[in-house]
Amino acid sequence: MKYVIWVAMAIVTLVMLMGGIMKLTGNPMATTSFSVLGLPAIFGTFIGVCEVAGAIGIWLRKTSMLAASGIAIIMLGAIYYHVMHTPLAEGIPAFVVLLCCALIISRRGTGVIG
């Protein structure tokens, strides 16, 4: 089971680093969703910083549960965006990351992550 958790952590890390870096560099593909939702551009930068910090924090014992929780909250927002504004299939990656975060949180709470 330990390796399943590591795979989940790797998936979350890769997706969050890619998304966070895209937001921080101002890639239109990653930032247009914030304007569609009526949010200021600085919010995209904030989310990008949170995604990169979460991708790093998920590997640290003391912060992994908190990082996974924060990423899960971000993914709930991403799922909301995709349900309301895009074809539902575009929200599948956010849902997969949310499931990975739930797995990490559940195992971290038991002290299983090694």
Protein backbone atom coordinates (compact mmCIF):
# COMPACT_ATOMS: atom_id res chain seq x y z
CA MET A 1 0.00 0.00 0.00
CA LYS A 2 2.94 2.30 0.65
CA TYR A 3 3.79 2.33 -3.06
CA VAL A 4 0.21 3.19 -4.01
CA ILE A 5 0.44 6.24 -1.75
CA TRP A 6 3.74 7.23 -3.34
CA VAL A 7 2.19 6.96 -6.80
CA ALA A 8 -0.73 9.12 -5.66
CA MET A 9 1.73 11.65 -4.25
CA ALA A 10 3.70 11.63 -7.52
CA ILE A 11 0.54 12.20 -9.57
CA VAL A 12 -0.52 15.10 -7.37
CA THR A 13 2.99 16.58 -7.44
CA LEU A 14 3.32 16.44 -11.23
CA VAL A 15 -0.12 17.90 -11.90
CA MET A 16 0.29 20.65 -9.30
CA LEU A 17 3.78 21.62 -10.48
CA MET A 18 2.63 21.80 -14.10
CA GLY A 19 -0.49 23.78 -13.27
CA GLY A 20 1.22 26.04 -10.76
CA ILE A 21 4.10 26.90 -13.06
CA MET A 22 1.68 27.59 -15.91
CA LYS A 23 -0.29 29.97 -13.70
CA LEU A 24 2.83 31.70 -12.41
CA THR A 25 4.15 32.25 -15.94
CA GLY A 26 0.79 33.68 -17.04
CA ASN A 27 -0.06 30.97 -19.56
CA PRO A 28 -3.51 31.92 -20.95
CA MET A 29 -4.62 28.28 -20.94
CA ALA A 30 -4.20 28.20 -17.16
CA THR A 31 -5.39 31.70 -16.29
CA THR A 32 -8.53 32.28 -18.37
CA SER A 33 -10.66 30.29 -15.95
CA PHE A 34 -10.20 32.97 -13.28
CA SER A 35 -11.56 35.73 -15.53
CA VAL A 36 -14.48 33.49 -16.54
CA LEU A 37 -15.31 33.13 -12.85
CA GLY A 38 -15.00 36.88 -12.35
CA LEU A 39 -11.90 36.59 -10.15
CA PRO A 40 -8.98 39.03 -10.31
CA ALA A 41 -5.79 37.98 -12.11
CA ILE A 42 -3.84 38.05 -8.85
CA PHE A 43 -5.98 35.15 -7.64
CA GLY A 44 -4.45 32.99 -10.38
CA THR A 45 -1.00 33.87 -9.07
CA PHE A 46 -2.08 33.02 -5.54
CA ILE A 47 -3.42 29.63 -6.64
CA GLY A 48 -0.23 28.99 -8.62
CA VAL A 49 1.89 29.64 -5.52
CA CYS A 50 -0.37 27.39 -3.45
CA GLU A 51 -0.12 24.60 -6.03
CA VAL A 52 3.68 24.71 -6.13
CA ALA A 53 3.89 24.90 -2.32
CA GLY A 54 1.45 21.98 -2.03
CA ALA A 55 3.45 19.91 -4.52
CA ILE A 56 6.52 20.35 -2.33
CA GLY A 57 4.73 20.13 1.01
CA ILE A 58 3.05 16.85 0.17
CA TRP A 59 6.45 15.11 0.46
CA LEU A 60 7.30 16.52 3.90
CA ARG A 61 6.04 14.43 6.80
CA LYS A 62 4.91 17.37 8.92
CA THR A 63 3.04 19.12 6.12
CA SER A 64 1.81 16.34 3.82
CA MET A 65 -1.68 16.12 5.29
CA LEU A 66 -2.09 19.91 5.27
CA ALA A 67 -0.73 20.17 1.72
CA ALA A 68 -3.05 17.42 0.46
CA SER A 69 -5.98 19.15 2.18
CA GLY A 70 -5.15 22.48 0.54
CA ILE A 71 -4.76 20.88 -2.87
CA ALA A 72 -8.09 19.07 -2.38
CA ILE A 73 -9.79 22.44 -1.76
CA ILE A 74 -8.23 23.84 -4.93
CA MET A 75 -9.43 20.77 -6.86
CA LEU A 76 -12.99 21.27 -5.59
CA GLY A 77 -12.85 24.75 -7.12
CA ALA A 78 -11.45 23.33 -10.35
CA ILE A 79 -14.21 20.72 -10.50
CA TYR A 80 -16.82 23.43 -9.93
CA TYR A 81 -15.36 25.44 -12.82
CA HIS A 82 -15.39 22.45 -15.17
CA VAL A 83 -18.93 21.40 -14.23
CA MET A 84 -20.27 24.91 -14.80
CA HIS A 85 -18.22 26.18 -17.76
CA THR A 86 -16.60 23.37 -19.78
CA PRO A 87 -17.42 19.90 -21.06
CA LEU A 88 -17.49 17.62 -18.04
CA ALA A 89 -14.66 15.43 -19.38
CA GLU A 90 -12.22 18.33 -18.90
CA GLY A 91 -12.74 18.03 -15.14
CA ILE A 92 -11.57 14.42 -14.94
CA PRO A 93 -7.92 15.28 -14.10
CA ALA A 94 -9.08 17.51 -11.22
CA PHE A 95 -11.29 14.69 -9.96
CA VAL A 96 -8.39 12.19 -10.13
CA VAL A 97 -6.15 14.59 -8.18
CA LEU A 98 -8.96 15.05 -5.63
CA LEU A 99 -9.19 11.27 -5.18
CA CYS A 100 -5.40 11.02 -4.79
CA CYS A 101 -5.51 13.76 -2.15
CA ALA A 102 -8.29 11.94 -0.29
CA LEU A 103 -6.17 8.78 -0.29
CA ILE A 104 -3.13 10.67 0.97
CA ILE A 105 -5.14 12.39 3.70
CA SER A 106 -6.70 9.13 4.84
CA ARG A 107 -3.35 7.32 5.00
CA ARG A 108 -1.48 10.26 6.49
CA GLY A 109 -3.99 10.39 9.32
CA THR A 110 -3.01 6.83 10.22
CA GLY A 111 0.72 7.52 9.93
CA VAL A 112 1.13 5.01 7.09
CA ILE A 113 2.99 7.23 4.61
CA GLY A 114 6.63 6.27 4.83
